[in-house]
Amino acid sequence: MAATRKLSVTEPIRLVFATKERRQALAAFVVIYAWEYLAFFSSTLTKQASVISPCLPEHSWAAAGLTMAVCSTIMLVKARAHMLRFSRAIYLTAALLIGLCSLGIWVVYTLNFYAEVIPYILAGLIGGALPFMYLYRIDHFPDLEVSFLGTFFGLVSVCSLLVYLVFILLPSPCAVIFCTGAPVVFFLVNAKQPALEPQKSTTAEQTVSHFPLKSMLCNCATAFILIIWLNFAFFRIIAAPWDFESRVWYYPSVFVTTLVVSLVLFLAMRKTADRRHQRGQIRFAIVAFAISYLILYVRYYNPFLATIAFAFCFACMIALEALAWSFWSQAVKRQYRFAAVPLLIYLMVKGVGISAGVGLGEQLCLITDGIIPVTAPLLFLIVLFACAITIKLEDFDKLFAGGDAQQSLQGYDTDFGRLLIADEMGPSDSPADTSANPEPPEPAHSPLEAAAENLSQHCALSPRETDVLRLLLAGRNRPFIKDALFISTGTVNSHISSIYRKTGVNSQQELISLAESLISNA
């Protein structure tokens, strides 16, 4: 097995801040996410409104989510055939539009000037312009090593929460000024970085004229997209203020607790990020994210516990979004030409989630008169079902990879370097050589390897079953396979049973004999 490169907890953080380009990229993400938190998850722009039932002022953000989804869908259709890139004038116009519309929402609610119509129009314009901001972001995405993406987006979430807390504690006009100027600042910070160009490829793989959208939607990315939708939809339901007049659920204490929880999770995962714990951390975050929703229904009975649950839920929501960006970066590194495709799908689902969440949240508040204990368990069961689907998946680093069925998994990228799976079919490298070369090992062309490939093609084995088959033919036992492929004992047994059934054998020895007979007949 390949050795894992050990670093201190603070070393990746220092490397993120080491260059001006990375610092600017970090600042750009912090600005845009702090704007989203202030706009979508607080009453910064709507707190001056006089609430007239049955309509909450926050309901205007449903229009933003809807137009974001529609605009992203239109862009997605165009992005499939060619690289999607607009002029800087269009990006600047979108930034100015978002800022002015944010100011307009606050002015309209403060003056109570056509507050039943105009905020919806302005929020819709914001939603239509937001995809341009994210496209501009990926046009100037920093050339970060994949191994530091987790640290980068962890810092983004923590710093965004700090900015958010500063502005909700300051007088309301300060937050309004920030929401007005943040999109333009975001544009200017990105403009200082060189635009990324599509990587020219000499391989036949990148001569494909269309992004493999169908395979991406049909594979395990579907479950993760479901998580994103439920994430924003149900978070908006829970975040909807139950006290219509005071909207007391926007207390800063909730987000202070969120910041503390985020820091604890970030440091804990950094401290334990080794080969054996990396996948367990992802599963733990998803399960805890689902369970936190169930705890929230006790907010009437135990406000302190509800605050902690709400904060943990928000922190896990941020972590899942950062995870989506990390997957996006790893997936498009080989085909930057189609970088906009998975991003636009993500924005489309995010917009639908915000729109549905705001609408459902308001209606549930009205129907139940602010009492959700009956519906909260139902929401929990749905979220837990989606999380169970995701936990069942094995290749978290292939969620947005487009479904390359011929490439078997060789390792995971973490903040401590690439964790390789040694190729047991050929001569193994020394630990020193493996740690010095972070690239996946080349497949060995041994007779057993050829037999494994023949059996895989003839018996229609999945990529992961092929990985298990190679190790079985090498004489490895089940505990070794479990550790080598980072999968559970149950998954190993399931794969081995499937291999035996497809190949028509009953034991590992019969499988090896079958492979040897294929070699002798070759």
Foldseek 3Di string as FASTA:
>chain_A
DFDFFDDDLCVLVCVCVVDPLSVLLLVLLLLVVLLCCCLLQFCLLQQLAQDDPPDALSLLLLLLLQLLLVLLVVVLVVLFQFFDDDDLVLLLVLLQLQLVLSLVSSVCRNVVPPSVPSSNVSSNSNSNSVLSLVVLSLQQPDPDDLQSLLVSLLSSVLSSLVVNLVQVVDDSVVSSNSSNCSSNSSSVSSVVGDTDDWDDDPDPVQVDRGFLVVLLCPDLLVLLLVLLLLLLQQLLLLSQQLPRRNSPSNDSLLSVLLSVLSVVLSSVCSVPVDLQCPLVSVLVLLVLLLVLLLQLLCCVPDVVSNSNSSSSNVSSSSSSVSLLVSLLCLQCPNPVRSSSNSVSSSSSSNSNSNSNNSVVSSVVSVVVVSRCNPPSVVSSVVSVVSSVSSSPDQCSSCSRNSDPFVDADAFDRHNRATDGQFQLQDDTDDNVVCVVDRDGDDDDPDLLLVLLVVLCVVLVATSVLSVLLSCLLSVDDQVVSCSRRVHDSVVSVVSVVSSCVSVVHDDSVVSNVVSVVVSVVD
